[in-house]
C-alpha atoms as a PDB file:
ATOM      1  CA  UNK A   1      23.007  35.021  27.103  1.00  0.00           C
ATOM      2  CA  UNK A   2      23.982  34.725  23.441  1.00  0.00           C
ATOM      3  CA  UNK A   3      26.114  31.680  24.211  1.00  0.00           C
ATOM      4  CA  UNK A   4      23.256  29.870  25.968  1.00  0.00           C
ATOM      5  CA  UNK A   5      20.817  30.649  23.150  1.00  0.00           C
ATOM      6  CA  UNK A   6      23.315  29.523  20.531  1.00  0.00           C
ATOM      7  CA  UNK A   7      24.035  26.317  22.426  1.00  0.00           C
ATOM      8  CA  UNK A   8      20.308  25.637  22.774  1.00  0.00           C
ATOM      9  CA  UNK A   9      19.795  26.116  19.029  1.00  0.00           C
ATOM     10  CA  UNK A  10      22.707  23.782  18.243  1.00  0.00           C
ATOM     11  CA  UNK A  11      21.243  21.130  20.525  1.00  0.00           C
ATOM     12  CA  UNK A  12      17.897  21.419  18.736  1.00  0.00           C
ATOM     13  CA  UNK A  13      19.626  21.088  15.365  1.00  0.00           C
ATOM     14  CA  UNK A  14      21.599  18.028  16.525  1.00  0.00           C
ATOM     15  CA  UNK A  15      18.520  16.387  18.003  1.00  0.00           C
ATOM     16  CA  UNK A  16      16.571  17.077  14.801  1.00  0.00           C
ATOM     17  CA  UNK A  17      19.319  15.511  12.694  1.00  0.00           C
ATOM     18  CA  UNK A  18      19.440  12.508  15.029  1.00  0.00           C
ATOM     19  CA  UNK A  19      15.650  12.115  14.880  1.00  0.00           C
ATOM     20  CA  UNK A  20      15.551  12.379  11.076  1.00  0.00           C
ATOM     21  CA  UNK A  21      18.443   9.940  10.692  1.00  0.00           C
ATOM     22  CA  UNK A  22      16.756   7.423  12.988  1.00  0.00           C
ATOM     23  CA  UNK A  23      13.555   7.777  10.960  1.00  0.00           C
ATOM     24  CA  UNK A  24      15.411   7.201   7.708  1.00  0.00           C
ATOM     25  CA  UNK A  25      17.155   4.132   9.115  1.00  0.00           C
ATOM     26  CA  UNK A  26      13.885   2.717  10.428  1.00  0.00           C
ATOM     27  CA  UNK A  27      12.210   3.340   7.068  1.00  0.00           C
ATOM     28  CA  UNK A  28      14.483   0.767   5.494  1.00  0.00           C
ATOM     29  CA  UNK A  29      14.271  -1.734   8.342  1.00  0.00           C
ATOM     30  CA  UNK A  30      11.711  -4.369   8.979  1.00  0.00           C
ATOM     31  CA  UNK A  31       9.902  -5.671   5.981  1.00  0.00           C
ATOM     32  CA  UNK A  32       6.502  -7.256   6.334  1.00  0.00           C
ATOM     33  CA  UNK A  33       6.205 -10.402   4.240  1.00  0.00           C
ATOM     34  CA  UNK A  34       4.869  -9.744   0.769  1.00  0.00           C
ATOM     35  CA  UNK A  35       4.159 -11.866  -2.261  1.00  0.00           C
ATOM     36  CA  UNK A  36       2.074 -14.897  -3.071  1.00  0.00           C
ATOM     37  CA  UNK A  37       1.973 -18.092  -1.037  1.00  0.00           C
ATOM     38  CA  UNK A  38      -0.327 -20.964  -2.102  1.00  0.00           C
ATOM     39  CA  UNK A  39      -2.062 -18.669  -4.635  1.00  0.00           C
ATOM     40  CA  UNK A  40      -2.904 -16.153  -1.915  1.00  0.00           C
ATOM     41  CA  UNK A  41      -1.489 -12.852  -0.732  1.00  0.00           C
ATOM     42  CA  UNK A  42       0.399 -13.029   2.546  1.00  0.00           C
ATOM     43  CA  UNK A  43      -1.868 -12.617   5.588  1.00  0.00           C
ATOM     44  CA  UNK A  44      -1.920  -9.370   7.524  1.00  0.00           C
ATOM     45  CA  UNK A  45       0.000  -9.256  10.792  1.00  0.00           C
ATOM     46  CA  UNK A  46      -1.965  -8.715  14.013  1.00  0.00           C
ATOM     47  CA  UNK A  47      -1.089  -4.995  14.004  1.00  0.00           C
ATOM     48  CA  UNK A  48      -3.741  -2.614  12.591  1.00  0.00           C
ATOM     49  CA  UNK A  49      -1.500  -1.294   9.787  1.00  0.00           C
ATOM     50  CA  UNK A  50      -2.610  -3.716   7.066  1.00  0.00           C
ATOM     51  CA  UNK A  51      -5.747  -4.355   5.019  1.00  0.00           C
ATOM     52  CA  UNK A  52      -6.438  -7.161   2.576  1.00  0.00           C
ATOM     53  CA  UNK A  53      -9.346  -8.455   0.549  1.00  0.00           C
ATOM     54  CA  UNK A  54      -8.408 -11.977   1.630  1.00  0.00           C
ATOM     55  CA  UNK A  55      -8.748 -11.249   5.355  1.00  0.00           C
ATOM     56  CA  UNK A  56     -11.907 -12.132   7.262  1.00  0.00           C
ATOM     57  CA  UNK A  57     -11.246 -10.014  10.370  1.00  0.00           C
ATOM     58  CA  UNK A  58     -13.252  -6.793   9.927  1.00  0.00           C
ATOM     59  CA  UNK A  59     -10.397  -4.539  11.040  1.00  0.00           C
ATOM     60  CA  UNK A  60      -8.199  -5.901   8.224  1.00  0.00           C
ATOM     61  CA  UNK A  61     -10.815  -6.675   5.576  1.00  0.00           C
ATOM     62  CA  UNK A  62     -11.518  -4.750   2.370  1.00  0.00           C
ATOM     63  CA  UNK A  63     -13.477  -5.795  -0.700  1.00  0.00           C
ATOM     64  CA  UNK A  64     -11.611  -7.142  -3.728  1.00  0.00           C
ATOM     65  CA  UNK A  65     -11.754  -5.086  -6.903  1.00  0.00           C
ATOM     66  CA  UNK A  66     -14.231  -6.522  -9.394  1.00  0.00           C
ATOM     67  CA  UNK A  67     -14.038  -5.698 -13.077  1.00  0.00           C
ATOM     68  CA  UNK A  68     -15.994  -6.357 -16.266  1.00  0.00           C
ATOM     69  CA  UNK A  69     -13.306  -5.385 -18.789  1.00  0.00           C
ATOM     70  CA  UNK A  70     -10.700  -7.851 -20.033  1.00  0.00           C
ATOM     71  CA  UNK A  71      -8.020  -8.991 -17.608  1.00  0.00           C
ATOM     72  CA  UNK A  72      -5.377  -7.201 -19.723  1.00  0.00           C
ATOM     73  CA  UNK A  73      -7.349  -3.939 -19.550  1.00  0.00           C
ATOM     74  CA  UNK A  74      -7.745  -4.317 -15.781  1.00  0.00           C
ATOM     75  CA  UNK A  75      -4.032  -5.003 -15.340  1.00  0.00           C
ATOM     76  CA  UNK A  76      -3.085  -2.058 -17.579  1.00  0.00           C
ATOM     77  CA  UNK A  77      -5.417   0.177 -15.539  1.00  0.00           C
ATOM     78  CA  UNK A  78      -3.780  -0.908 -12.262  1.00  0.00           C
ATOM     79  CA  UNK A  79      -0.305  -0.157 -13.627  1.00  0.00           C
ATOM     80  CA  UNK A  80      -1.395   3.171 -15.109  1.00  0.00           C
ATOM     81  CA  UNK A  81      -2.945   4.322 -11.836  1.00  0.00           C
ATOM     82  CA  UNK A  82       0.118   3.288  -9.826  1.00  0.00           C
ATOM     83  CA  UNK A  83       2.428   5.148 -12.202  1.00  0.00           C
ATOM     84  CA  UNK A  84       0.371   8.325 -11.726  1.00  0.00           C
ATOM     85  CA  UNK A  85       0.249   8.238  -7.921  1.00  0.00           C
ATOM     86  CA  UNK A  86       2.703  10.413  -5.981  1.00  0.00           C
ATOM     87  CA  UNK A  87       5.551   8.657  -4.154  1.00  0.00           C
ATOM     88  CA  UNK A  88       4.555   5.303  -5.679  1.00  0.00           C
ATOM     89  CA  UNK A  89       6.869   2.928  -7.492  1.00  0.00           C
ATOM     90  CA  UNK A  90       5.844  -0.231  -9.308  1.00  0.00           C
ATOM     91  CA  UNK A  91       8.335  -2.796  -8.002  1.00  0.00           C
ATOM     92  CA  UNK A  92       7.106  -6.062  -9.555  1.00  0.00           C
ATOM     93  CA  UNK A  93       4.863  -7.037 -12.431  1.00  0.00           C
ATOM     94  CA  UNK A  94       4.056 -10.680 -13.121  1.00  0.00           C
ATOM     95  CA  UNK A  95       1.270 -12.308 -15.093  1.00  0.00           C
ATOM     96  CA  UNK A  96      -1.182 -12.341 -12.166  1.00  0.00           C
ATOM     97  CA  UNK A  97       0.601 -10.180  -9.555  1.00  0.00           C
ATOM     98  CA  UNK A  98       1.647  -6.535  -9.162  1.00  0.00           C
ATOM     99  CA  UNK A  99       3.580  -5.081  -6.228  1.00  0.00           C
ATOM    100  CA  UNK A 100       4.040  -1.353  -5.632  1.00  0.00           C
ATOM    101  CA  UNK A 101       5.851   0.602  -2.940  1.00  0.00           C
ATOM    102  CA  UNK A 102       4.633   3.886  -1.467  1.00  0.00           C
ATOM    103  CA  UNK A 103       6.979   6.198   0.434  1.00  0.00           C
ATOM    104  CA  UNK A 104       5.648   8.546   3.091  1.00  0.00           C
ATOM    105  CA  UNK A 105       6.302  12.217   2.537  1.00  0.00           C
ATOM    106  CA  UNK A 106       8.182  13.010   5.734  1.00  0.00           C
ATOM    107  CA  UNK A 107      10.278  10.017   6.822  1.00  0.00           C
ATOM    108  CA  UNK A 108      10.130   7.934   3.632  1.00  0.00           C
ATOM    109  CA  UNK A 109       8.528   4.976   5.415  1.00  0.00           C
ATOM    110  CA  UNK A 110       7.556   2.309   2.896  1.00  0.00           C
ATOM    111  CA  UNK A 111       4.110   0.758   2.541  1.00  0.00           C
ATOM    112  CA  UNK A 112       3.527  -2.160   0.172  1.00  0.00           C
ATOM    113  CA  UNK A 113       0.459  -2.461  -2.034  1.00  0.00           C
ATOM    114  CA  UNK A 114      -0.174  -5.746  -3.828  1.00  0.00           C
ATOM    115  CA  UNK A 115      -2.641  -6.924  -6.442  1.00  0.00           C
ATOM    116  CA  UNK A 116      -3.404 -10.574  -7.205  1.00  0.00           C
ATOM    117  CA  UNK A 117      -5.540 -11.286 -10.262  1.00  0.00           C
ATOM    118  CA  UNK A 118      -7.868 -14.234  -9.653  1.00  0.00           C
ATOM    119  CA  UNK A 119      -7.365 -17.064 -12.150  1.00  0.00           C
ATOM    120  CA  UNK A 120     -11.053 -18.023 -12.306  1.00  0.00           C
ATOM    121  CA  UNK A 121     -13.021 -14.820 -11.729  1.00  0.00           C
ATOM    122  CA  UNK A 122     -12.760 -11.197 -12.889  1.00  0.00           C
ATOM    123  CA  UNK A 123     -11.544  -9.835  -9.583  1.00  0.00           C
ATOM    124  CA  UNK A 124      -8.373  -8.494  -8.088  1.00  0.00           C
ATOM    125  CA  UNK A 125      -7.403  -9.262  -4.515  1.00  0.00           C
ATOM    126  CA  UNK A 126      -5.639  -6.310  -2.943  1.00  0.00           C
ATOM    127  CA  UNK A 127      -3.398  -5.895   0.099  1.00  0.00           C
ATOM    128  CA  UNK A 128      -1.839  -2.719   1.509  1.00  0.00           C
ATOM    129  CA  UNK A 129       0.470  -2.841   4.532  1.00  0.00           C
ATOM    130  CA  UNK A 130       3.031  -0.767   6.380  1.00  0.00           C
ATOM    131  CA  UNK A 131       6.484  -2.288   6.701  1.00  0.00           C
ATOM    132  CA  UNK A 132       7.231  -0.785  10.102  1.00  0.00           C
ATOM    133  CA  UNK A 133       5.314   0.513  13.063  1.00  0.00           C
ATOM    134  CA  UNK A 134       2.096  -0.555  14.647  1.00  0.00           C
ATOM    135  CA  UNK A 135      -0.706   1.810  13.664  1.00  0.00           C
ATOM    136  CA  UNK A 136      -0.999   3.576  10.322  1.00  0.00           C
ATOM    137  CA  UNK A 137      -3.975   5.757  11.366  1.00  0.00           C
ATOM    138  CA  UNK A 138      -6.052   4.266   8.546  1.00  0.00           C
ATOM    139  CA  UNK A 139      -3.643   5.214   5.748  1.00  0.00           C
ATOM    140  CA  UNK A 140      -3.608   1.789   4.065  1.00  0.00           C
ATOM    141  CA  UNK A 141      -7.408   1.464   4.066  1.00  0.00           C
ATOM    142  CA  UNK A 142      -7.751   4.991   2.637  1.00  0.00           C
ATOM    143  CA  UNK A 143      -5.138   4.175  -0.015  1.00  0.00           C
ATOM    144  CA  UNK A 144      -7.061   1.068  -1.101  1.00  0.00           C
ATOM    145  CA  UNK A 145     -10.375   2.931  -1.301  1.00  0.00           C
ATOM    146  CA  UNK A 146      -8.823   5.849  -3.216  1.00  0.00           C
ATOM    147  CA  UNK A 147      -7.246   3.349  -5.594  1.00  0.00           C
ATOM    148  CA  UNK A 148     -10.600   1.590  -6.051  1.00  0.00           C
ATOM    149  CA  UNK A 149     -12.275   4.894  -6.979  1.00  0.00           C
ATOM    150  CA  UNK A 150      -9.607   5.639  -9.599  1.00  0.00           C
ATOM    151  CA  UNK A 151      -9.859   2.111 -10.974  1.00  0.00           C
ATOM    152  CA  UNK A 152     -13.619   2.392 -11.454  1.00  0.00           C
ATOM    153  CA  UNK A 153     -13.166   5.676 -13.304  1.00  0.00           C
ATOM    154  CA  UNK A 154     -10.991   3.816 -15.835  1.00  0.00           C
ATOM    155  CA  UNK A 155     -12.908   0.536 -15.758  1.00  0.00           C
ATOM    156  CA  UNK A 156     -16.540   1.108 -14.788  1.00  0.00           C
ATOM    157  CA  UNK A 157     -18.475  -1.925 -13.613  1.00  0.00           C
ATOM    158  CA  UNK A 158     -21.255  -3.198 -15.837  1.00  0.00           C
ATOM    159  CA  UNK A 159     -24.179  -3.361 -13.352  1.00  0.00           C
ATOM    160  CA  UNK A 160     -25.882  -6.137 -15.335  1.00  0.00           C
ATOM    161  CA  UNK A 161     -22.969  -8.532 -14.946  1.00  0.00           C
ATOM    162  CA  UNK A 162     -22.893 -10.867 -11.946  1.00  0.00           C
ATOM    163  CA  UNK A 163     -19.427 -11.563 -10.613  1.00  0.00           C
ATOM    164  CA  UNK A 164     -19.055 -14.470  -8.220  1.00  0.00           C
ATOM    165  CA  UNK A 165     -15.963 -15.610  -6.438  1.00  0.00           C
END
């Protein structure tokens, strides 16, 4: 009996290691396109694991972040928030673009979060997408909304100021 129980436990350990290794390998595979193309963030794929303020489809659409502080203050706030978030890493900072990577707690899957500062209006287009998989169970949308709340704590909107796109 001890031999069968021991063998069963070893099989569970081996399968667990195999499963975790496969998850780690998949976490580094498959990268959804990121960056700026024709002054726009890349479009979301058809899968429901991406949201963007430049998308018109309701399942992918989120509002851009509007601000009434200077562009430098808004950019500094974005960077500061990203640096304080758990499992986040600022990967790229350009004049009008910021890219951050978020790693999931269990399998270290990577999600990309991007910010594009509009040249003509005080607003930030935002995109958050999973690199792999199909559904994210709403994680990217929740991440964007949580980020928006933190941003407005640092840079409250002046309700008297009209911001048009």
